C-alpha atoms as a PDB file:
ATOM      1  CA  UNK A   1      91.651  93.208 114.518  1.00  0.00           C
ATOM      2  CA  UNK A   2      95.039  94.619 115.523  1.00  0.00           C
ATOM      3  CA  UNK A   3      96.664  93.672 118.805  1.00  0.00           C
ATOM      4  CA  UNK A   4      96.644  96.214 121.646  1.00  0.00           C
ATOM      5  CA  UNK A   5      99.682  98.435 121.293  1.00  0.00           C
ATOM      6  CA  UNK A   6     100.875 101.587 123.043  1.00  0.00           C
ATOM      7  CA  UNK A   7     101.045 103.192 119.612  1.00  0.00           C
ATOM      8  CA  UNK A   8      97.852 104.382 117.959  1.00  0.00           C
ATOM      9  CA  UNK A   9      97.267 103.091 114.428  1.00  0.00           C
ATOM     10  CA  UNK A  10      94.144 105.204 114.005  1.00  0.00           C
ATOM     11  CA  UNK A  11      95.869 108.471 114.838  1.00  0.00           C
ATOM     12  CA  UNK A  12      96.150 109.945 111.366  1.00  0.00           C
ATOM     13  CA  UNK A  13      92.518 109.211 110.560  1.00  0.00           C
ATOM     14  CA  UNK A  14      91.414 110.960 113.768  1.00  0.00           C
ATOM     15  CA  UNK A  15      93.557 114.025 113.194  1.00  0.00           C
ATOM     16  CA  UNK A  16      92.967 114.482 109.461  1.00  0.00           C
ATOM     17  CA  UNK A  17      90.809 117.522 108.658  1.00  0.00           C
ATOM     18  CA  UNK A  18      87.704 117.220 106.540  1.00  0.00           C
ATOM     19  CA  UNK A  19      88.660 118.394 103.008  1.00  0.00           C
ATOM     20  CA  UNK A  20      85.133 119.692 102.508  1.00  0.00           C
ATOM     21  CA  UNK A  21      85.789 122.276 105.238  1.00  0.00           C
ATOM     22  CA  UNK A  22      89.016 123.588 103.700  1.00  0.00           C
ATOM     23  CA  UNK A  23      89.258 124.584 100.024  1.00  0.00           C
ATOM     24  CA  UNK A  24      93.076 124.794 100.267  1.00  0.00           C
ATOM     25  CA  UNK A  25      93.424 121.244 101.565  1.00  0.00           C
ATOM     26  CA  UNK A  26      95.280 118.962  99.105  1.00  0.00           C
ATOM     27  CA  UNK A  27      93.524 115.600  99.416  1.00  0.00           C
ATOM     28  CA  UNK A  28      96.062 113.765  97.251  1.00  0.00           C
ATOM     29  CA  UNK A  29      98.881 114.871  99.557  1.00  0.00           C
ATOM     30  CA  UNK A  30      96.965 113.528 102.547  1.00  0.00           C
ATOM     31  CA  UNK A  31      96.596 110.203 100.756  1.00  0.00           C
ATOM     32  CA  UNK A  32     100.307 110.142 100.060  1.00  0.00           C
ATOM     33  CA  UNK A  33     101.076 110.773 103.721  1.00  0.00           C
ATOM     34  CA  UNK A  34      98.896 107.806 104.642  1.00  0.00           C
ATOM     35  CA  UNK A  35     101.452 105.613 102.876  1.00  0.00           C
ATOM     36  CA  UNK A  36     104.275 106.808 105.138  1.00  0.00           C
ATOM     37  CA  UNK A  37     102.068 106.607 108.221  1.00  0.00           C
ATOM     38  CA  UNK A  38     101.181 102.993 107.378  1.00  0.00           C
ATOM     39  CA  UNK A  39     104.637 102.103 108.684  1.00  0.00           C
ATOM     40  CA  UNK A  40     103.841 103.432 112.179  1.00  0.00           C
ATOM     41  CA  UNK A  41     103.171  99.965 113.606  1.00  0.00           C
ATOM     42  CA  UNK A  42     105.177  97.904 111.126  1.00  0.00           C
ATOM     43  CA  UNK A  43     107.855  95.832 112.839  1.00  0.00           C
ATOM     44  CA  UNK A  44     109.710  95.169 109.591  1.00  0.00           C
ATOM     45  CA  UNK A  45     108.664  95.685 105.966  1.00  0.00           C
ATOM     46  CA  UNK A  46     105.339  96.084 104.147  1.00  0.00           C
ATOM     47  CA  UNK A  47     104.267  94.794 100.768  1.00  0.00           C
ATOM     48  CA  UNK A  48     102.175  96.792  98.317  1.00  0.00           C
ATOM     49  CA  UNK A  49      98.981  94.840  99.107  1.00  0.00           C
ATOM     50  CA  UNK A  50      99.455  95.495 102.832  1.00  0.00           C
ATOM     51  CA  UNK A  51     100.055  99.195 102.219  1.00  0.00           C
ATOM     52  CA  UNK A  52      96.901  99.457 100.100  1.00  0.00           C
ATOM     53  CA  UNK A  53      94.846  97.781 102.842  1.00  0.00           C
ATOM     54  CA  UNK A  54      96.294  99.883 105.666  1.00  0.00           C
ATOM     55  CA  UNK A  55      95.806 103.156 103.792  1.00  0.00           C
ATOM     56  CA  UNK A  56      92.379 102.297 102.345  1.00  0.00           C
ATOM     57  CA  UNK A  57      93.725 103.204  98.903  1.00  0.00           C
ATOM     58  CA  UNK A  58      93.260 101.275  95.691  1.00  0.00           C
ATOM     59  CA  UNK A  59      96.265  99.181  94.767  1.00  0.00           C
ATOM     60  CA  UNK A  60      97.010 101.318  91.704  1.00  0.00           C
ATOM     61  CA  UNK A  61      96.975 104.547  93.717  1.00  0.00           C
ATOM     62  CA  UNK A  62      99.052 102.962  96.470  1.00  0.00           C
ATOM     63  CA  UNK A  63     101.603 101.823  93.891  1.00  0.00           C
ATOM     64  CA  UNK A  64     101.987 105.349  92.491  1.00  0.00           C
ATOM     65  CA  UNK A  65     102.455 106.886  95.927  1.00  0.00           C
ATOM     66  CA  UNK A  66     104.896 104.163  96.975  1.00  0.00           C
ATOM     67  CA  UNK A  67     106.927 104.615  93.792  1.00  0.00           C
ATOM     68  CA  UNK A  68     107.065 108.381  94.289  1.00  0.00           C
ATOM     69  CA  UNK A  69     108.173 108.098  97.910  1.00  0.00           C
ATOM     70  CA  UNK A  70     110.823 105.588  96.864  1.00  0.00           C
ATOM     71  CA  UNK A  71     112.165 107.900  94.158  1.00  0.00           C
ATOM     72  CA  UNK A  72     112.350 110.725  96.710  1.00  0.00           C
ATOM     73  CA  UNK A  73     114.187 108.568  99.248  1.00  0.00           C
ATOM     74  CA  UNK A  74     111.445 108.341 101.870  1.00  0.00           C
ATOM     75  CA  UNK A  75     110.883 104.626 101.184  1.00  0.00           C
ATOM     76  CA  UNK A  76     113.412 101.910 100.420  1.00  0.00           C
ATOM     77  CA  UNK A  77     112.551  98.787  98.400  1.00  0.00           C
ATOM     78  CA  UNK A  78     114.076  95.357  98.820  1.00  0.00           C
ATOM     79  CA  UNK A  79     114.577  94.183  95.242  1.00  0.00           C
ATOM     80  CA  UNK A  80     114.399  90.496  96.187  1.00  0.00           C
ATOM     81  CA  UNK A  81     111.233  90.529  98.287  1.00  0.00           C
ATOM     82  CA  UNK A  82     109.687  93.648  96.640  1.00  0.00           C
ATOM     83  CA  UNK A  83     108.770  94.898 100.113  1.00  0.00           C
ATOM     84  CA  UNK A  84     109.245  98.393 101.489  1.00  0.00           C
ATOM     85  CA  UNK A  85     110.605 100.062 104.590  1.00  0.00           C
ATOM     86  CA  UNK A  86     110.987 103.715 105.571  1.00  0.00           C
ATOM     87  CA  UNK A  87     114.053 105.404 104.087  1.00  0.00           C
ATOM     88  CA  UNK A  88     116.696 107.578 105.773  1.00  0.00           C
ATOM     89  CA  UNK A  89     115.148 110.846 104.583  1.00  0.00           C
ATOM     90  CA  UNK A  90     112.292 110.332 107.054  1.00  0.00           C
ATOM     91  CA  UNK A  91     114.826 110.618 109.888  1.00  0.00           C
ATOM     92  CA  UNK A  92     116.272 113.721 108.267  1.00  0.00           C
ATOM     93  CA  UNK A  93     112.911 115.500 108.520  1.00  0.00           C
ATOM     94  CA  UNK A  94     112.780 114.743 112.236  1.00  0.00           C
ATOM     95  CA  UNK A  95     116.274 116.148 112.626  1.00  0.00           C
ATOM     96  CA  UNK A  96     115.273 119.388 110.883  1.00  0.00           C
ATOM     97  CA  UNK A  97     112.409 119.797 113.359  1.00  0.00           C
ATOM     98  CA  UNK A  98     114.416 118.973 116.484  1.00  0.00           C
ATOM     99  CA  UNK A  99     117.296 121.208 115.403  1.00  0.00           C
ATOM    100  CA  UNK A 100     115.109 124.278 114.891  1.00  0.00           C
ATOM    101  CA  UNK A 101     112.321 123.883 117.480  1.00  0.00           C
ATOM    102  CA  UNK A 102     112.733 126.559 120.153  1.00  0.00           C
ATOM    103  CA  UNK A 103     111.021 124.527 122.888  1.00  0.00           C
ATOM    104  CA  UNK A 104     113.367 121.581 122.323  1.00  0.00           C
ATOM    105  CA  UNK A 105     116.464 123.777 122.388  1.00  0.00           C
ATOM    106  CA  UNK A 106     115.302 125.569 125.561  1.00  0.00           C
ATOM    107  CA  UNK A 107     114.309 122.419 127.411  1.00  0.00           C
ATOM    108  CA  UNK A 108     117.071 120.005 126.405  1.00  0.00           C
ATOM    109  CA  UNK A 109     119.877 121.231 128.742  1.00  0.00           C
ATOM    110  CA  UNK A 110     117.528 121.239 131.740  1.00  0.00           C
ATOM    111  CA  UNK A 111     116.196 117.763 130.933  1.00  0.00           C
ATOM    112  CA  UNK A 112     119.735 116.402 130.548  1.00  0.00           C
ATOM    113  CA  UNK A 113     120.564 117.858 133.964  1.00  0.00           C
ATOM    114  CA  UNK A 114     117.437 116.253 135.445  1.00  0.00           C
ATOM    115  CA  UNK A 115     118.351 112.883 133.949  1.00  0.00           C
ATOM    116  CA  UNK A 116     121.881 113.147 135.325  1.00  0.00           C
ATOM    117  CA  UNK A 117     120.617 114.052 138.813  1.00  0.00           C
ATOM    118  CA  UNK A 118     118.028 111.290 139.125  1.00  0.00           C
ATOM    119  CA  UNK A 119     119.595 108.661 136.862  1.00  0.00           C
ATOM    120  CA  UNK A 120     116.211 107.853 135.333  1.00  0.00           C
ATOM    121  CA  UNK A 121     114.645 108.190 131.892  1.00  0.00           C
ATOM    122  CA  UNK A 122     113.351 111.703 131.173  1.00  0.00           C
ATOM    123  CA  UNK A 123     110.873 112.642 128.443  1.00  0.00           C
ATOM    124  CA  UNK A 124     109.166 115.681 126.932  1.00  0.00           C
ATOM    125  CA  UNK A 125     105.902 115.219 125.027  1.00  0.00           C
ATOM    126  CA  UNK A 126     103.195 117.290 123.343  1.00  0.00           C
ATOM    127  CA  UNK A 127      99.522 116.679 122.633  1.00  0.00           C
ATOM    128  CA  UNK A 128      98.383 115.653 119.134  1.00  0.00           C
ATOM    129  CA  UNK A 129      94.637 115.132 119.031  1.00  0.00           C
ATOM    130  CA  UNK A 130      93.924 112.465 121.623  1.00  0.00           C
ATOM    131  CA  UNK A 131      97.504 111.238 121.495  1.00  0.00           C
ATOM    132  CA  UNK A 132     100.880 112.386 122.708  1.00  0.00           C
ATOM    133  CA  UNK A 133     104.148 112.547 120.768  1.00  0.00           C
ATOM    134  CA  UNK A 134     107.556 112.390 122.403  1.00  0.00           C
ATOM    135  CA  UNK A 135     109.822 115.261 121.319  1.00  0.00           C
ATOM    136  CA  UNK A 136     112.738 114.312 123.558  1.00  0.00           C
ATOM    137  CA  UNK A 137     113.601 111.035 125.295  1.00  0.00           C
ATOM    138  CA  UNK A 138     116.708 110.813 127.446  1.00  0.00           C
ATOM    139  CA  UNK A 139     117.144 107.160 128.344  1.00  0.00           C
ATOM    140  CA  UNK A 140     118.271 105.362 131.437  1.00  0.00           C
ATOM    141  CA  UNK A 141     120.453 102.287 131.047  1.00  0.00           C
ATOM    142  CA  UNK A 142     117.472  99.950 131.388  1.00  0.00           C
ATOM    143  CA  UNK A 143     115.393 101.238 128.477  1.00  0.00           C
ATOM    144  CA  UNK A 144     114.981  99.423 125.185  1.00  0.00           C
ATOM    145  CA  UNK A 145     115.703 101.062 121.839  1.00  0.00           C
ATOM    146  CA  UNK A 146     111.989 101.746 121.178  1.00  0.00           C
ATOM    147  CA  UNK A 147     111.739 103.567 124.515  1.00  0.00           C
ATOM    148  CA  UNK A 148     114.699 105.812 123.674  1.00  0.00           C
ATOM    149  CA  UNK A 149     113.580 107.167 120.305  1.00  0.00           C
ATOM    150  CA  UNK A 150     111.798 110.528 119.939  1.00  0.00           C
ATOM    151  CA  UNK A 151     108.799 110.803 117.643  1.00  0.00           C
ATOM    152  CA  UNK A 152     106.876 107.916 119.152  1.00  0.00           C
ATOM    153  CA  UNK A 153     103.117 108.461 119.280  1.00  0.00           C
ATOM    154  CA  UNK A 154     100.978 106.957 122.033  1.00  0.00           C
ATOM    155  CA  UNK A 155      97.446 107.358 123.397  1.00  0.00           C
ATOM    156  CA  UNK A 156      97.615 110.200 125.886  1.00  0.00           C
ATOM    157  CA  UNK A 157      95.409 108.596 128.538  1.00  0.00           C
ATOM    158  CA  UNK A 158      97.769 105.707 129.314  1.00  0.00           C
ATOM    159  CA  UNK A 159     100.778 107.414 130.919  1.00  0.00           C
ATOM    160  CA  UNK A 160     101.672 110.251 133.239  1.00  0.00           C
ATOM    161  CA  UNK A 161     102.821 112.727 130.578  1.00  0.00           C
ATOM    162  CA  UNK A 162      99.750 112.150 128.440  1.00  0.00           C
ATOM    163  CA  UNK A 163      97.379 112.566 131.358  1.00  0.00           C
ATOM    164  CA  UNK A 164      98.978 115.896 132.221  1.00  0.00           C
ATOM    165  CA  UNK A 165      98.564 116.983 128.603  1.00  0.00           C
ATOM    166  CA  UNK A 166      94.890 115.947 128.643  1.00  0.00           C
ATOM    167  CA  UNK A 167      94.368 117.870 131.877  1.00  0.00           C
ATOM    168  CA  UNK A 168      94.551 121.078 129.782  1.00  0.00           C
ATOM    169  CA  UNK A 169      91.247 120.108 128.140  1.00  0.00           C
ATOM    170  CA  UNK A 170      87.806 120.505 129.659  1.00  0.00           C
ATOM    171  CA  UNK A 171      85.973 117.401 130.840  1.00  0.00           C
ATOM    172  CA  UNK A 172      83.695 117.183 127.796  1.00  0.00           C
ATOM    173  CA  UNK A 173      86.688 117.264 125.433  1.00  0.00           C
ATOM    174  CA  UNK A 174      88.371 114.508 127.454  1.00  0.00           C
ATOM    175  CA  UNK A 175      85.220 112.371 127.279  1.00  0.00           C
ATOM    176  CA  UNK A 176      85.063 112.846 123.505  1.00  0.00           C
ATOM    177  CA  UNK A 177      88.725 111.884 123.181  1.00  0.00           C
ATOM    178  CA  UNK A 178      88.128 108.644 125.094  1.00  0.00           C
ATOM    179  CA  UNK A 179      84.992 107.963 123.071  1.00  0.00           C
ATOM    180  CA  UNK A 180      86.727 108.377 119.689  1.00  0.00           C
ATOM    181  CA  UNK A 181      89.442 105.859 120.555  1.00  0.00           C
ATOM    182  CA  UNK A 182      88.206 103.557 123.343  1.00  0.00           C
ATOM    183  CA  UNK A 183      91.066 102.621 125.701  1.00  0.00           C
ATOM    184  CA  UNK A 184      92.512  99.115 125.555  1.00  0.00           C
ATOM    185  CA  UNK A 185      94.603  97.401 128.233  1.00  0.00           C
ATOM    186  CA  UNK A 186      98.354  96.977 127.792  1.00  0.00           C
ATOM    187  CA  UNK A 187      98.901  95.318 131.176  1.00  0.00           C
ATOM    188  CA  UNK A 188      96.553  93.669 133.701  1.00  0.00           C
ATOM    189  CA  UNK A 189      96.605  96.922 135.695  1.00  0.00           C
ATOM    190  CA  UNK A 190      95.893  99.378 132.850  1.00  0.00           C
ATOM    191  CA  UNK A 191      92.961 101.656 133.738  1.00  0.00           C
ATOM    192  CA  UNK A 192      90.607 101.663 130.745  1.00  0.00           C
ATOM    193  CA  UNK A 193      87.198 102.616 132.204  1.00  0.00           C
ATOM    194  CA  UNK A 194      86.456 106.121 130.837  1.00  0.00           C
ATOM    195  CA  UNK A 195      84.985 107.529 134.047  1.00  0.00           C
ATOM    196  CA  UNK A 196      87.935 106.265 136.081  1.00  0.00           C
ATOM    197  CA  UNK A 197      90.368 107.785 133.566  1.00  0.00           C
ATOM    198  CA  UNK A 198      88.510 111.090 133.655  1.00  0.00           C
ATOM    199  CA  UNK A 199      88.775 111.092 137.458  1.00  0.00           C
ATOM    200  CA  UNK A 200      92.539 110.463 137.260  1.00  0.00           C
ATOM    201  CA  UNK A 201      92.997 113.285 134.732  1.00  0.00           C
ATOM    202  CA  UNK A 202      90.906 115.616 136.921  1.00  0.00           C
ATOM    203  CA  UNK A 203      93.097 114.669 139.887  1.00  0.00           C
ATOM    204  CA  UNK A 204      96.218 115.476 137.849  1.00  0.00           C
ATOM    205  CA  UNK A 205      94.692 118.839 136.914  1.00  0.00           C
ATOM    206  CA  UNK A 206      93.963 119.646 140.570  1.00  0.00           C
ATOM    207  CA  UNK A 207      97.310 118.472 141.971  1.00  0.00           C
ATOM    208  CA  UNK A 208      99.515 119.701 139.122  1.00  0.00           C
ATOM    209  CA  UNK A 209     101.226 116.342 138.644  1.00  0.00           C
ATOM    210  CA  UNK A 210     100.336 112.818 137.524  1.00  0.00           C
ATOM    211  CA  UNK A 211     101.610 109.463 138.746  1.00  0.00           C
ATOM    212  CA  UNK A 212     101.126 106.141 136.951  1.00  0.00           C
ATOM    213  CA  UNK A 213     101.984 102.539 137.765  1.00  0.00           C
ATOM    214  CA  UNK A 214     102.038  99.511 135.433  1.00  0.00           C
ATOM    215  CA  UNK A 215      99.895 101.274 132.833  1.00  0.00           C
ATOM    216  CA  UNK A 216     101.881 100.592 129.644  1.00  0.00           C
ATOM    217  CA  UNK A 217     104.643  98.292 130.876  1.00  0.00           C
ATOM    218  CA  UNK A 218     104.669  95.984 133.864  1.00  0.00           C
ATOM    219  CA  UNK A 219     106.851  97.161 136.754  1.00  0.00           C
ATOM    220  CA  UNK A 220     107.188 100.688 135.360  1.00  0.00           C
ATOM    221  CA  UNK A 221     106.046 103.862 137.108  1.00  0.00           C
ATOM    222  CA  UNK A 222     105.893 107.411 135.811  1.00  0.00           C
ATOM    223  CA  UNK A 223     105.547 110.978 137.063  1.00  0.00           C
ATOM    224  CA  UNK A 224     104.838 114.118 135.037  1.00  0.00           C
ATOM    225  CA  UNK A 225     104.126 117.835 135.261  1.00  0.00           C
ATOM    226  CA  UNK A 226     103.222 120.458 132.686  1.00  0.00           C
ATOM    227  CA  UNK A 227     105.783 122.758 131.120  1.00  0.00           C
ATOM    228  CA  UNK A 228     104.418 126.300 130.590  1.00  0.00           C
ATOM    229  CA  UNK A 229     105.575 129.387 128.759  1.00  0.00           C
ATOM    230  CA  UNK A 230     106.188 132.817 130.280  1.00  0.00           C
ATOM    231  CA  UNK A 231     102.446 133.586 130.060  1.00  0.00           C
ATOM    232  CA  UNK A 232     101.656 130.337 131.943  1.00  0.00           C
ATOM    233  CA  UNK A 233     100.227 128.650 128.817  1.00  0.00           C
ATOM    234  CA  UNK A 234     100.880 124.865 128.789  1.00  0.00           C
ATOM    235  CA  UNK A 235     103.357 123.846 126.087  1.00  0.00           C
ATOM    236  CA  UNK A 236     104.329 120.260 126.860  1.00  0.00           C
ATOM    237  CA  UNK A 237     104.646 117.656 129.577  1.00  0.00           C
ATOM    238  CA  UNK A 238     107.923 116.582 131.125  1.00  0.00           C
ATOM    239  CA  UNK A 239     108.010 113.171 132.735  1.00  0.00           C
ATOM    240  CA  UNK A 240     110.235 110.575 134.345  1.00  0.00           C
ATOM    241  CA  UNK A 241     109.834 106.806 134.144  1.00  0.00           C
ATOM    242  CA  UNK A 242     111.392 104.366 136.587  1.00  0.00           C
ATOM    243  CA  UNK A 243     111.319 100.731 137.753  1.00  0.00           C
ATOM    244  CA  UNK A 244     108.496 100.214 140.263  1.00  0.00           C
ATOM    245  CA  UNK A 245     110.642  98.139 142.641  1.00  0.00           C
ATOM    246  CA  UNK A 246     113.025 101.103 143.043  1.00  0.00           C
ATOM    247  CA  UNK A 247     110.418 103.858 143.032  1.00  0.00           C
ATOM    248  CA  UNK A 248     107.165 103.022 144.822  1.00  0.00           C
ATOM    249  CA  UNK A 249     104.567 105.785 144.689  1.00  0.00           C
ATOM    250  CA  UNK A 250     105.659 107.457 147.925  1.00  0.00           C
ATOM    251  CA  UNK A 251     109.294 107.718 146.797  1.00  0.00           C
ATOM    252  CA  UNK A 252     108.234 108.918 143.341  1.00  0.00           C
ATOM    253  CA  UNK A 253     106.169 111.672 144.941  1.00  0.00           C
ATOM    254  CA  UNK A 254     108.853 112.588 147.477  1.00  0.00           C
ATOM    255  CA  UNK A 255     111.979 112.452 145.294  1.00  0.00           C
ATOM    256  CA  UNK A 256     110.947 112.930 141.664  1.00  0.00           C
ATOM    257  CA  UNK A 257     107.894 115.198 141.525  1.00  0.00           C
ATOM    258  CA  UNK A 258     109.688 118.139 143.239  1.00  0.00           C
ATOM    259  CA  UNK A 259     112.568 117.800 140.746  1.00  0.00           C
ATOM    260  CA  UNK A 260     110.080 117.864 137.867  1.00  0.00           C
ATOM    261  CA  UNK A 261     108.504 121.062 139.211  1.00  0.00           C
ATOM    262  CA  UNK A 262     111.914 122.705 139.639  1.00  0.00           C
ATOM    263  CA  UNK A 263     112.954 121.702 136.123  1.00  0.00           C
ATOM    264  CA  UNK A 264     109.716 123.007 134.600  1.00  0.00           C
ATOM    265  CA  UNK A 265     110.163 126.298 136.471  1.00  0.00           C
ATOM    266  CA  UNK A 266     113.771 126.614 135.291  1.00  0.00           C
ATOM    267  CA  UNK A 267     112.778 126.054 131.659  1.00  0.00           C
ATOM    268  CA  UNK A 268     109.849 128.478 131.904  1.00  0.00           C
ATOM    269  CA  UNK A 269     111.947 131.254 133.409  1.00  0.00           C
ATOM    270  CA  UNK A 270     115.263 130.418 131.792  1.00  0.00           C
END
């Protein structure tokens, strides 16, 4: 049993399409991608046996995929320990996406301005199945390295941005999302009861913003709104995270939520 983590180790299995439903789907490529995704929760390196277990591949198949990824530069091998870590070319792919994505290029200047005005960490995230993925993360001085990096995947139910993203779905779809990956607590105050989470997401849908407190990290609060396109279709969530002792809920609602709405409006109509 894995320890509770804000990241979702089951994400790729949930999102993977059924090959039987798609004659163009390349099953061997999906298996190869499992090898790279096995490093999602790795804190250091992985050995071949660990990779085979995490990917549910036979050791021979895992070895072939690992060797291929190493030759292509997406994995690096320590010759002494014979263990693997992700290679620099993985970062390069992320750069290609961020450099060319129109939403990122449109939103980035406005999010930088928001961060400079409020002095807090600012994020933009999108929905991926029942999870959220950060596209942009503009840190405050207090954040750790892991909290600064884009590309991080987390369960959507556990923070303000994710709850706003889930608010786009109907209630049955939200229930199914919570059923597929039952919530687990990250702090003593994490809300994990499905009906309570559904009520919070419904509230976010009705009010147009979400507030969270101590849900992923102790003494951290968050606020989020949806970012829409010119046709009012939701594209992403923009959010701010802050220390709870500086931003109790009333100050978060008074000082930060209006700035989030103004920033979303500026991006939408910019």
